N, C-alpha and C. Protein backbone atom coordinates (compact mmCIF):
# COMPACT_ATOMS: atom_id res chain seq x y z
N MET A 1 14.77 -4.60 19.43
CA MET A 1 14.79 -3.48 18.52
C MET A 1 14.46 -2.22 19.33
N ASN A 2 15.18 -1.14 19.08
CA ASN A 2 14.96 0.08 19.83
C ASN A 2 13.88 0.95 19.19
N LEU A 3 13.52 2.02 19.86
CA LEU A 3 12.44 2.90 19.40
C LEU A 3 12.71 3.47 18.01
N LEU A 4 13.93 3.90 17.77
CA LEU A 4 14.26 4.50 16.48
C LEU A 4 14.17 3.48 15.35
N ASP A 5 14.70 2.28 15.56
CA ASP A 5 14.63 1.23 14.54
C ASP A 5 13.17 0.84 14.25
N THR A 6 12.40 0.68 15.32
CA THR A 6 10.98 0.35 15.15
C THR A 6 10.26 1.45 14.39
N SER A 7 10.55 2.69 14.72
CA SER A 7 9.92 3.82 14.04
C SER A 7 10.26 3.85 12.56
N ARG A 8 11.50 3.54 12.24
CA ARG A 8 11.89 3.51 10.82
C ARG A 8 11.16 2.41 10.05
N LYS A 9 11.04 1.25 10.68
CA LYS A 9 10.33 0.13 10.02
C LYS A 9 8.85 0.47 9.84
N LEU A 10 8.22 1.02 10.86
CA LEU A 10 6.82 1.41 10.74
C LEU A 10 6.66 2.56 9.75
N GLY A 11 7.61 3.47 9.73
CA GLY A 11 7.57 4.57 8.76
C GLY A 11 7.69 4.07 7.33
N ALA A 12 8.51 3.03 7.13
CA ALA A 12 8.64 2.44 5.79
C ALA A 12 7.32 1.79 5.36
N LEU A 13 6.66 1.10 6.29
CA LEU A 13 5.36 0.52 5.96
C LEU A 13 4.35 1.61 5.65
N ARG A 14 4.40 2.71 6.40
CA ARG A 14 3.50 3.83 6.13
C ARG A 14 3.78 4.40 4.73
N ALA A 15 5.04 4.49 4.35
CA ALA A 15 5.39 5.00 3.02
C ALA A 15 4.82 4.11 1.92
N VAL A 16 4.89 2.78 2.12
CA VAL A 16 4.33 1.85 1.14
C VAL A 16 2.82 2.06 1.05
N GLU A 17 2.16 2.15 2.20
CA GLU A 17 0.70 2.34 2.20
C GLU A 17 0.32 3.65 1.51
N LEU A 18 1.03 4.73 1.79
CA LEU A 18 0.72 6.01 1.15
C LEU A 18 0.97 5.97 -0.35
N THR A 19 2.01 5.29 -0.76
CA THR A 19 2.31 5.18 -2.19
C THR A 19 1.24 4.35 -2.90
N CYS A 20 0.81 3.27 -2.28
CA CYS A 20 -0.28 2.47 -2.85
C CYS A 20 -1.56 3.29 -2.94
N PHE A 21 -1.85 4.06 -1.90
CA PHE A 21 -3.01 4.95 -1.91
C PHE A 21 -2.98 5.86 -3.13
N ARG A 22 -1.86 6.52 -3.33
CA ARG A 22 -1.74 7.47 -4.43
C ARG A 22 -1.78 6.79 -5.79
N ARG A 23 -1.00 5.74 -5.95
CA ARG A 23 -0.90 5.11 -7.28
C ARG A 23 -2.17 4.36 -7.66
N LEU A 24 -2.80 3.66 -6.74
CA LEU A 24 -4.08 3.00 -7.06
C LEU A 24 -5.16 4.03 -7.34
N GLY A 25 -5.17 5.10 -6.56
CA GLY A 25 -6.15 6.16 -6.77
C GLY A 25 -5.99 6.83 -8.12
N GLU A 26 -4.75 7.02 -8.55
CA GLU A 26 -4.49 7.61 -9.87
C GLU A 26 -4.97 6.70 -10.99
N ARG A 27 -4.78 5.41 -10.82
CA ARG A 27 -5.11 4.46 -11.89
C ARG A 27 -6.58 4.08 -11.94
N ALA A 28 -7.26 4.12 -10.81
CA ALA A 28 -8.64 3.63 -10.73
C ALA A 28 -9.55 4.14 -11.85
N PRO A 29 -9.58 5.44 -12.16
CA PRO A 29 -10.53 5.91 -13.18
C PRO A 29 -10.29 5.33 -14.58
N GLY A 30 -9.07 4.90 -14.87
CA GLY A 30 -8.76 4.42 -16.21
C GLY A 30 -8.74 2.90 -16.34
N LEU A 31 -9.15 2.19 -15.32
CA LEU A 31 -9.10 0.73 -15.37
C LEU A 31 -10.35 0.14 -16.01
N VAL A 32 -10.15 -0.90 -16.80
CA VAL A 32 -11.26 -1.69 -17.33
C VAL A 32 -10.97 -3.14 -17.00
N PRO A 33 -11.97 -3.90 -16.63
CA PRO A 33 -13.38 -3.55 -16.53
C PRO A 33 -13.66 -2.65 -15.31
N ALA A 34 -14.90 -2.14 -15.26
CA ALA A 34 -15.30 -1.22 -14.20
C ALA A 34 -15.17 -1.84 -12.81
N SER A 35 -15.34 -3.14 -12.70
CA SER A 35 -15.20 -3.80 -11.40
C SER A 35 -13.78 -3.63 -10.85
N CYS A 36 -12.80 -3.58 -11.73
CA CYS A 36 -11.42 -3.37 -11.30
C CYS A 36 -11.21 -1.92 -10.87
N ALA A 37 -11.86 -1.01 -11.56
CA ALA A 37 -11.78 0.40 -11.18
C ALA A 37 -12.36 0.60 -9.78
N ARG A 38 -13.50 -0.05 -9.53
CA ARG A 38 -14.12 0.04 -8.21
C ARG A 38 -13.22 -0.55 -7.14
N TRP A 39 -12.64 -1.73 -7.44
CA TRP A 39 -11.74 -2.36 -6.47
C TRP A 39 -10.54 -1.46 -6.19
N ALA A 40 -9.92 -0.90 -7.22
CA ALA A 40 -8.73 -0.06 -7.04
C ALA A 40 -9.05 1.18 -6.22
N ALA A 41 -10.21 1.79 -6.47
CA ALA A 41 -10.60 2.97 -5.70
C ALA A 41 -10.80 2.60 -4.23
N SER A 42 -11.46 1.49 -3.99
CA SER A 42 -11.70 1.03 -2.62
C SER A 42 -10.39 0.63 -1.94
N ALA A 43 -9.54 -0.08 -2.65
CA ALA A 43 -8.24 -0.48 -2.10
C ALA A 43 -7.38 0.74 -1.79
N SER A 44 -7.46 1.75 -2.64
CA SER A 44 -6.72 2.98 -2.42
C SER A 44 -7.11 3.61 -1.09
N LEU A 45 -8.39 3.70 -0.84
CA LEU A 45 -8.86 4.28 0.43
C LEU A 45 -8.44 3.43 1.62
N ALA A 46 -8.44 2.12 1.45
CA ALA A 46 -7.99 1.24 2.52
C ALA A 46 -6.51 1.47 2.84
N HIS A 47 -5.71 1.72 1.83
CA HIS A 47 -4.30 2.03 2.05
C HIS A 47 -4.15 3.32 2.84
N ALA A 48 -4.96 4.33 2.53
CA ALA A 48 -4.90 5.59 3.27
C ALA A 48 -5.25 5.36 4.74
N TRP A 49 -6.25 4.53 4.99
CA TRP A 49 -6.65 4.25 6.38
C TRP A 49 -5.53 3.54 7.13
N ARG A 50 -4.91 2.55 6.49
CA ARG A 50 -3.82 1.84 7.16
C ARG A 50 -2.62 2.77 7.40
N ALA A 51 -2.36 3.68 6.46
CA ALA A 51 -1.27 4.65 6.66
C ALA A 51 -1.55 5.52 7.88
N SER A 52 -2.82 5.90 8.07
CA SER A 52 -3.15 6.72 9.24
C SER A 52 -3.00 5.92 10.53
N LEU A 53 -3.31 4.62 10.48
CA LEU A 53 -3.08 3.77 11.66
C LEU A 53 -1.59 3.75 12.02
N LEU A 54 -0.76 3.56 11.01
CA LEU A 54 0.68 3.50 11.26
C LEU A 54 1.22 4.84 11.75
N GLU A 55 0.68 5.92 11.22
CA GLU A 55 1.12 7.25 11.67
C GLU A 55 0.90 7.41 13.17
N SER A 56 -0.18 6.86 13.66
CA SER A 56 -0.49 7.00 15.08
C SER A 56 0.54 6.29 15.97
N LEU A 57 1.31 5.38 15.41
CA LEU A 57 2.33 4.66 16.17
C LEU A 57 3.69 5.36 16.18
N LEU A 58 3.87 6.30 15.28
CA LEU A 58 5.18 6.94 15.16
C LEU A 58 5.36 7.98 16.26
N PRO A 59 6.53 7.99 16.89
CA PRO A 59 6.74 8.90 18.01
C PRO A 59 6.88 10.36 17.56
N VAL A 60 6.41 11.23 18.41
CA VAL A 60 6.55 12.67 18.18
C VAL A 60 7.25 13.21 19.42
N SER A 61 8.54 13.46 19.28
CA SER A 61 9.31 13.91 20.43
C SER A 61 10.55 14.67 19.96
N THR A 62 10.95 15.62 20.74
CA THR A 62 12.16 16.38 20.46
C THR A 62 13.35 15.41 20.42
N GLY A 63 14.16 15.56 19.40
CA GLY A 63 15.35 14.72 19.28
C GLY A 63 15.16 13.49 18.42
N LEU A 64 13.91 13.16 18.09
CA LEU A 64 13.64 12.02 17.22
C LEU A 64 13.31 12.51 15.81
N PRO A 65 13.55 11.67 14.80
CA PRO A 65 13.19 12.08 13.44
C PRO A 65 11.69 12.38 13.34
N GLY A 66 11.35 13.31 12.46
CA GLY A 66 9.96 13.67 12.25
C GLY A 66 9.26 12.70 11.32
N LEU A 67 7.98 12.94 11.16
CA LEU A 67 7.14 12.07 10.34
C LEU A 67 7.68 11.92 8.92
N GLU A 68 8.07 13.02 8.30
CA GLU A 68 8.58 12.96 6.92
C GLU A 68 9.89 12.19 6.83
N GLU A 69 10.73 12.33 7.84
CA GLU A 69 12.01 11.62 7.84
C GLU A 69 11.83 10.11 8.02
N LEU A 70 10.76 9.72 8.70
CA LEU A 70 10.50 8.30 8.94
C LEU A 70 9.72 7.65 7.80
N THR A 71 8.97 8.44 7.06
CA THR A 71 8.12 7.90 5.99
C THR A 71 8.92 7.84 4.70
N VAL A 72 9.71 6.78 4.58
CA VAL A 72 10.62 6.59 3.45
C VAL A 72 10.39 5.18 2.90
N LEU A 73 10.22 5.08 1.58
CA LEU A 73 10.03 3.77 0.97
C LEU A 73 11.23 2.86 1.24
N PRO A 74 10.96 1.61 1.54
CA PRO A 74 12.06 0.69 1.82
C PRO A 74 12.84 0.35 0.56
N GLU A 75 14.13 0.14 0.73
CA GLU A 75 14.98 -0.28 -0.38
C GLU A 75 15.25 -1.77 -0.22
N ASN A 76 14.20 -2.55 -0.41
CA ASN A 76 14.31 -4.00 -0.27
C ASN A 76 13.33 -4.66 -1.24
N HIS A 77 13.06 -5.93 -1.05
CA HIS A 77 12.17 -6.67 -1.94
C HIS A 77 10.77 -6.07 -1.98
N LEU A 78 10.29 -5.52 -0.88
CA LEU A 78 8.97 -4.88 -0.86
C LEU A 78 8.97 -3.62 -1.72
N GLY A 79 9.99 -2.82 -1.60
CA GLY A 79 10.11 -1.63 -2.45
C GLY A 79 10.23 -1.98 -3.92
N ASP A 80 10.96 -3.05 -4.21
CA ASP A 80 11.11 -3.49 -5.60
C ASP A 80 9.78 -3.98 -6.17
N GLU A 81 9.04 -4.75 -5.37
CA GLU A 81 7.75 -5.26 -5.85
C GLU A 81 6.74 -4.13 -6.01
N LEU A 82 6.79 -3.15 -5.13
CA LEU A 82 5.91 -1.98 -5.28
C LEU A 82 6.18 -1.28 -6.61
N ALA A 83 7.46 -1.11 -6.94
CA ALA A 83 7.82 -0.46 -8.21
C ALA A 83 7.39 -1.29 -9.42
N ARG A 84 7.39 -2.62 -9.27
CA ARG A 84 6.97 -3.49 -10.38
C ARG A 84 5.45 -3.51 -10.52
N ALA A 85 4.75 -3.73 -9.42
CA ALA A 85 3.30 -3.89 -9.48
C ALA A 85 2.57 -2.57 -9.70
N LEU A 86 3.08 -1.50 -9.10
CA LEU A 86 2.46 -0.18 -9.23
C LEU A 86 3.53 0.86 -9.55
N PRO A 87 4.06 0.80 -10.77
CA PRO A 87 5.14 1.74 -11.11
C PRO A 87 4.64 3.19 -11.11
N GLU A 88 5.58 4.08 -10.89
CA GLU A 88 5.28 5.51 -10.97
C GLU A 88 4.74 5.80 -12.36
N ARG A 89 3.72 6.62 -12.44
CA ARG A 89 3.13 6.98 -13.73
C ARG A 89 4.13 7.77 -14.56
N ASP A 90 4.23 7.42 -15.82
CA ASP A 90 5.04 8.19 -16.76
C ASP A 90 4.09 9.12 -17.48
N ASP A 91 4.07 10.39 -17.07
CA ASP A 91 3.13 11.34 -17.66
C ASP A 91 3.33 11.49 -19.16
N GLY A 92 4.50 11.17 -19.66
CA GLY A 92 4.76 11.27 -21.09
C GLY A 92 4.13 10.15 -21.89
N SER A 93 3.57 9.13 -21.22
CA SER A 93 3.00 7.99 -21.94
C SER A 93 1.65 8.30 -22.54
N CYS A 94 1.03 9.39 -22.12
CA CYS A 94 -0.28 9.77 -22.66
C CYS A 94 -0.07 10.81 -23.75
N SER A 95 -1.08 10.95 -24.58
CA SER A 95 -0.98 11.95 -25.63
C SER A 95 -0.93 13.34 -25.02
N ALA A 96 -0.43 14.29 -25.77
CA ALA A 96 -0.28 15.66 -25.28
C ALA A 96 -1.60 16.20 -24.77
N GLY A 97 -1.56 16.78 -23.58
CA GLY A 97 -2.75 17.38 -23.00
C GLY A 97 -3.70 16.39 -22.36
N THR A 98 -3.33 15.12 -22.27
CA THR A 98 -4.20 14.10 -21.68
C THR A 98 -3.61 13.66 -20.36
N ALA A 99 -4.39 13.78 -19.31
CA ALA A 99 -3.93 13.36 -17.98
C ALA A 99 -4.05 11.85 -17.85
N PRO A 100 -3.10 11.21 -17.17
CA PRO A 100 -3.21 9.77 -16.94
C PRO A 100 -4.51 9.46 -16.21
N GLY A 101 -5.21 8.42 -16.63
CA GLY A 101 -6.44 8.02 -15.98
C GLY A 101 -7.65 8.83 -16.41
N SER A 102 -7.47 9.81 -17.30
CA SER A 102 -8.61 10.59 -17.74
C SER A 102 -9.41 9.80 -18.76
N ARG A 103 -10.59 10.30 -19.09
CA ARG A 103 -11.44 9.60 -20.06
C ARG A 103 -10.81 9.53 -21.43
N ASP A 104 -9.90 10.46 -21.73
CA ASP A 104 -9.28 10.49 -23.06
C ASP A 104 -8.03 9.62 -23.15
N SER A 105 -7.53 9.13 -22.03
CA SER A 105 -6.34 8.29 -22.08
C SER A 105 -6.75 6.84 -22.33
N PRO A 106 -5.85 6.04 -22.89
CA PRO A 106 -6.19 4.64 -23.15
C PRO A 106 -6.44 3.90 -21.84
N PRO A 107 -7.40 2.97 -21.83
CA PRO A 107 -7.70 2.24 -20.59
C PRO A 107 -6.55 1.32 -20.19
N ASP A 108 -6.45 1.09 -18.89
CA ASP A 108 -5.45 0.17 -18.35
C ASP A 108 -6.10 -1.19 -18.13
N ASN A 109 -5.30 -2.24 -18.23
CA ASN A 109 -5.77 -3.59 -17.98
C ASN A 109 -5.96 -3.78 -16.48
N GLY A 110 -7.19 -3.63 -16.02
CA GLY A 110 -7.48 -3.70 -14.60
C GLY A 110 -7.20 -5.05 -14.00
N LEU A 111 -7.54 -6.11 -14.71
CA LEU A 111 -7.33 -7.45 -14.16
C LEU A 111 -5.85 -7.73 -13.93
N GLN A 112 -5.00 -7.28 -14.84
CA GLN A 112 -3.56 -7.48 -14.64
C GLN A 112 -3.06 -6.70 -13.44
N LEU A 113 -3.50 -5.47 -13.29
CA LEU A 113 -3.10 -4.67 -12.15
C LEU A 113 -3.56 -5.32 -10.84
N VAL A 114 -4.82 -5.75 -10.77
CA VAL A 114 -5.34 -6.39 -9.56
C VAL A 114 -4.55 -7.66 -9.26
N ALA A 115 -4.26 -8.45 -10.28
CA ALA A 115 -3.50 -9.68 -10.08
C ALA A 115 -2.09 -9.38 -9.58
N ASP A 116 -1.44 -8.37 -10.16
CA ASP A 116 -0.08 -8.01 -9.72
C ASP A 116 -0.06 -7.54 -8.28
N VAL A 117 -1.06 -6.74 -7.91
CA VAL A 117 -1.09 -6.20 -6.55
C VAL A 117 -1.46 -7.28 -5.54
N THR A 118 -2.52 -8.05 -5.81
CA THR A 118 -2.97 -9.05 -4.84
C THR A 118 -2.07 -10.28 -4.81
N GLY A 119 -1.44 -10.61 -5.93
CA GLY A 119 -0.62 -11.81 -5.99
C GLY A 119 0.85 -11.58 -5.72
N GLY A 120 1.33 -10.36 -5.89
CA GLY A 120 2.75 -10.08 -5.70
C GLY A 120 3.03 -9.12 -4.56
N LEU A 121 2.44 -7.96 -4.63
CA LEU A 121 2.72 -6.91 -3.64
C LEU A 121 2.11 -7.22 -2.27
N TYR A 122 0.84 -7.58 -2.23
CA TYR A 122 0.18 -7.79 -0.94
C TYR A 122 0.79 -8.93 -0.12
N PRO A 123 1.18 -10.05 -0.71
CA PRO A 123 1.83 -11.08 0.12
C PRO A 123 3.11 -10.58 0.79
N LEU A 124 3.88 -9.77 0.07
CA LEU A 124 5.11 -9.22 0.67
C LEU A 124 4.78 -8.21 1.76
N LEU A 125 3.76 -7.40 1.54
CA LEU A 125 3.35 -6.43 2.55
C LEU A 125 2.84 -7.15 3.81
N LEU A 126 2.06 -8.20 3.61
CA LEU A 126 1.59 -9.00 4.75
C LEU A 126 2.77 -9.64 5.49
N ALA A 127 3.78 -10.10 4.75
CA ALA A 127 4.96 -10.69 5.39
C ALA A 127 5.72 -9.66 6.21
N GLU A 128 5.80 -8.43 5.73
CA GLU A 128 6.46 -7.37 6.49
C GLU A 128 5.70 -7.05 7.77
N TYR A 129 4.38 -7.00 7.66
CA TYR A 129 3.56 -6.79 8.86
C TYR A 129 3.77 -7.94 9.84
N ALA A 130 3.79 -9.18 9.34
CA ALA A 130 3.99 -10.34 10.21
C ALA A 130 5.35 -10.27 10.91
N LEU A 131 6.37 -9.82 10.20
CA LEU A 131 7.69 -9.68 10.80
C LEU A 131 7.66 -8.66 11.94
N ARG A 132 6.96 -7.55 11.74
CA ARG A 132 6.83 -6.55 12.81
C ARG A 132 6.17 -7.19 14.03
N LEU A 133 5.15 -8.00 13.80
CA LEU A 133 4.45 -8.66 14.92
C LEU A 133 5.36 -9.64 15.66
N GLU A 134 6.21 -10.35 14.92
CA GLU A 134 7.13 -11.31 15.55
C GLU A 134 8.10 -10.62 16.49
N LEU A 135 8.45 -9.39 16.18
CA LEU A 135 9.43 -8.66 16.98
C LEU A 135 8.80 -7.93 18.17
N CYS A 136 7.49 -7.99 18.29
CA CYS A 136 6.78 -7.30 19.37
C CYS A 136 6.49 -8.25 20.52
N THR A 137 6.32 -7.67 21.68
CA THR A 137 5.80 -8.41 22.83
C THR A 137 4.52 -7.72 23.27
N GLN A 138 3.53 -8.51 23.64
CA GLN A 138 2.23 -7.96 24.01
C GLN A 138 2.35 -6.98 25.18
N ALA A 139 3.19 -7.30 26.14
CA ALA A 139 3.31 -6.45 27.33
C ALA A 139 3.91 -5.08 26.99
N ALA A 140 4.97 -5.07 26.21
CA ALA A 140 5.66 -3.81 25.92
C ALA A 140 5.10 -3.09 24.70
N ASP A 141 4.55 -3.83 23.76
CA ASP A 141 4.14 -3.24 22.48
C ASP A 141 2.67 -3.50 22.17
N GLY A 142 1.83 -3.46 23.17
CA GLY A 142 0.41 -3.77 22.98
C GLY A 142 -0.25 -2.94 21.90
N ALA A 143 0.02 -1.63 21.87
CA ALA A 143 -0.59 -0.75 20.87
C ALA A 143 -0.13 -1.12 19.46
N VAL A 144 1.14 -1.47 19.33
CA VAL A 144 1.68 -1.86 18.02
C VAL A 144 1.03 -3.17 17.57
N VAL A 145 0.92 -4.13 18.48
CA VAL A 145 0.33 -5.42 18.14
C VAL A 145 -1.12 -5.24 17.69
N ARG A 146 -1.90 -4.47 18.44
CA ARG A 146 -3.31 -4.25 18.07
C ARG A 146 -3.43 -3.52 16.74
N THR A 147 -2.62 -2.49 16.55
CA THR A 147 -2.71 -1.68 15.33
C THR A 147 -2.28 -2.48 14.11
N ILE A 148 -1.20 -3.19 14.20
CA ILE A 148 -0.77 -4.00 13.06
C ILE A 148 -1.77 -5.13 12.81
N GLY A 149 -2.34 -5.68 13.86
CA GLY A 149 -3.39 -6.69 13.69
C GLY A 149 -4.56 -6.15 12.89
N ARG A 150 -4.98 -4.92 13.18
CA ARG A 150 -6.07 -4.29 12.41
C ARG A 150 -5.66 -4.08 10.95
N ALA A 151 -4.43 -3.61 10.75
CA ALA A 151 -3.95 -3.38 9.38
C ALA A 151 -3.90 -4.68 8.59
N VAL A 152 -3.42 -5.74 9.22
CA VAL A 152 -3.33 -7.04 8.55
C VAL A 152 -4.72 -7.56 8.20
N ALA A 153 -5.64 -7.48 9.14
CA ALA A 153 -7.01 -7.96 8.89
C ALA A 153 -7.63 -7.21 7.72
N ASP A 154 -7.44 -5.89 7.67
CA ASP A 154 -8.00 -5.10 6.58
C ASP A 154 -7.34 -5.45 5.25
N LEU A 155 -6.02 -5.58 5.25
CA LEU A 155 -5.30 -5.91 4.02
C LEU A 155 -5.71 -7.29 3.50
N GLU A 156 -5.93 -8.23 4.38
CA GLU A 156 -6.36 -9.56 3.96
C GLU A 156 -7.74 -9.52 3.30
N VAL A 157 -8.64 -8.68 3.80
CA VAL A 157 -9.96 -8.54 3.18
C VAL A 157 -9.84 -7.92 1.80
N VAL A 158 -9.05 -6.87 1.67
CA VAL A 158 -8.87 -6.21 0.37
C VAL A 158 -8.22 -7.17 -0.61
N ARG A 159 -7.25 -7.93 -0.14
CA ARG A 159 -6.59 -8.92 -1.01
C ARG A 159 -7.58 -9.99 -1.47
N ALA A 160 -8.41 -10.49 -0.56
CA ALA A 160 -9.40 -11.52 -0.91
C ALA A 160 -10.40 -10.99 -1.93
N GLU A 161 -10.83 -9.75 -1.77
CA GLU A 161 -11.76 -9.15 -2.74
C GLU A 161 -11.12 -9.07 -4.13
N GLY A 162 -9.87 -8.65 -4.18
CA GLY A 162 -9.18 -8.56 -5.47
C GLY A 162 -8.93 -9.92 -6.08
N SER A 163 -8.54 -10.87 -5.26
CA SER A 163 -8.31 -12.24 -5.77
C SER A 163 -9.60 -12.85 -6.30
N ALA A 164 -10.71 -12.62 -5.61
CA ALA A 164 -12.00 -13.12 -6.07
C ALA A 164 -12.39 -12.48 -7.40
N LEU A 165 -12.08 -11.20 -7.54
CA LEU A 165 -12.36 -10.50 -8.80
C LEU A 165 -11.60 -11.14 -9.95
N CYS A 166 -10.35 -11.46 -9.72
CA CYS A 166 -9.52 -12.09 -10.76
C CYS A 166 -9.99 -13.50 -11.07
N SER A 167 -10.39 -14.26 -10.06
CA SER A 167 -10.82 -15.64 -10.31
C SER A 167 -12.17 -15.69 -11.03
N ARG A 168 -13.05 -14.73 -10.77
CA ARG A 168 -14.32 -14.68 -11.51
C ARG A 168 -14.10 -14.36 -12.98
N ALA A 169 -13.10 -13.54 -13.26
CA ALA A 169 -12.82 -13.14 -14.65
C ALA A 169 -12.08 -14.24 -15.40
N GLY A 170 -11.32 -15.03 -14.67
CA GLY A 170 -10.47 -16.04 -15.31
C GLY A 170 -11.19 -17.28 -15.50
């Protein structure tokens, strides 16, 4: 795989992480029970951290696409699952003058959201990270291997915390 192809794949992963950061962060205040709100807020921050890790791998050079051009959501099974598990907020779903996730909006089912994210989205995201690792060689891509390894380890911890939350409730 060449530099441009690798950059596009890493940029797509960064786009997923940034979207999860935003959408989980938006939903966190309105989730019940409170343990799910705490998990979503924490998971949101973890997504931001992983996005910053991936950003550090993207090339910055004349003649190559810029950060915004590379940070594009994938049009594949991962993108589809992201849209299912964490759909874009429909601002019209709340009563007039009520912001989504505000105290005046109806609460969201936190356990369902955590289950959808940890049971559907995260396994696909982990598989995409694993695929990136399979295509790397330690000698040529050492920084990519280390960075993706950190991202995978962090995502696995966040997933385990969410799964434990669901199993305690169930």
